[in-house]
Each structure stands twice: as C-alpha cells, then as structure tokens.
C-alpha cells in the first residue's frame, strides 16, 4: 500500500468547492485514482 503524500492531497484539494455535473463524476474518479496511485481491480 502506498502512502498518501502532500502532493496527492494538493491535487485533490485544488478541487475543493468546484461544482461538477453528474456526467463529470467519472472524470473525477479517474483523477482521484491517478493522483492517489490506486489500483482498481475487477470484482
């Protein structure tokens, strides 16, 4: 498991207060996955 760094938090923190449309949630999810270097697996 990778430790979350200050840089990761800044990337997501820059989005604080942003208004998204429902169709942008997929993009936000992809950004969060990339910023936090998460691995997504199929269940």
C-alpha atoms as a PDB file:
ATOM      1  CA  UNK A   1       0.000   0.000   0.000  1.00  0.00           C
ATOM      2  CA  UNK A   2       1.321   3.422  -0.971  1.00  0.00           C
ATOM      3  CA  UNK A   3       1.358   6.308   1.491  1.00  0.00           C
ATOM      4  CA  UNK A   4      -0.670   9.371   0.509  1.00  0.00           C
ATOM      5  CA  UNK A   5       1.648  12.364   0.124  1.00  0.00           C
ATOM      6  CA  UNK A   6       1.076  16.091   0.457  1.00  0.00           C
ATOM      7  CA  UNK A   7       1.243  16.352  -3.343  1.00  0.00           C
ATOM      8  CA  UNK A   8      -1.655  13.918  -3.664  1.00  0.00           C
ATOM      9  CA  UNK A   9      -3.746  15.910  -1.233  1.00  0.00           C
ATOM     10  CA  UNK A  10      -2.948  19.191  -3.027  1.00  0.00           C
ATOM     11  CA  UNK A  11      -4.150  17.807  -6.353  1.00  0.00           C
ATOM     12  CA  UNK A  12      -7.490  16.868  -4.830  1.00  0.00           C
ATOM     13  CA  UNK A  13      -7.623  19.875  -2.507  1.00  0.00           C
ATOM     14  CA  UNK A  14      -7.412  22.179  -5.530  1.00  0.00           C
ATOM     15  CA  UNK A  15     -10.849  20.858  -6.467  1.00  0.00           C
ATOM     16  CA  UNK A  16     -12.427  21.907  -3.163  1.00  0.00           C
ATOM     17  CA  UNK A  17     -15.616  23.863  -3.816  1.00  0.00           C
ATOM     18  CA  UNK A  18     -15.702  23.071  -7.546  1.00  0.00           C
ATOM     19  CA  UNK A  19     -19.142  22.385  -8.966  1.00  0.00           C
ATOM     20  CA  UNK A  20     -19.351  19.282 -11.115  1.00  0.00           C
ATOM     21  CA  UNK A  21     -22.113  17.962 -13.273  1.00  0.00           C
ATOM     22  CA  UNK A  22     -23.149  14.363 -12.751  1.00  0.00           C
ATOM     23  CA  UNK A  23     -21.520  13.333 -16.021  1.00  0.00           C
ATOM     24  CA  UNK A  24     -18.139  14.588 -14.707  1.00  0.00           C
ATOM     25  CA  UNK A  25     -18.057  12.148 -11.772  1.00  0.00           C
ATOM     26  CA  UNK A  26     -16.285   9.537 -13.901  1.00  0.00           C
ATOM     27  CA  UNK A  27     -13.544  12.084 -14.687  1.00  0.00           C
ATOM     28  CA  UNK A  28     -13.208  12.978 -11.004  1.00  0.00           C
ATOM     29  CA  UNK A  29     -12.924   9.304 -10.130  1.00  0.00           C
ATOM     30  CA  UNK A  30     -10.189   8.822 -12.721  1.00  0.00           C
ATOM     31  CA  UNK A  31      -8.324  11.885 -11.417  1.00  0.00           C
ATOM     32  CA  UNK A  32      -8.501  10.632  -7.828  1.00  0.00           C
ATOM     33  CA  UNK A  33      -7.329   7.154  -8.844  1.00  0.00           C
ATOM     34  CA  UNK A  34      -4.368   8.636 -10.718  1.00  0.00           C
ATOM     35  CA  UNK A  35      -3.470  11.201  -8.029  1.00  0.00           C
ATOM     36  CA  UNK A  36      -3.501   8.574  -5.282  1.00  0.00           C
ATOM     37  CA  UNK A  37      -1.865   5.904  -7.472  1.00  0.00           C
ATOM     38  CA  UNK A  38      -4.674   3.467  -6.687  1.00  0.00           C
ATOM     39  CA  UNK A  39      -5.043   0.085  -8.307  1.00  0.00           C
ATOM     40  CA  UNK A  40      -8.524  -0.763  -9.494  1.00  0.00           C
ATOM     41  CA  UNK A  41      -9.456  -4.403  -9.781  1.00  0.00           C
ATOM     42  CA  UNK A  42     -12.442  -6.159 -11.255  1.00  0.00           C
ATOM     43  CA  UNK A  43     -14.519  -7.933  -8.632  1.00  0.00           C
END
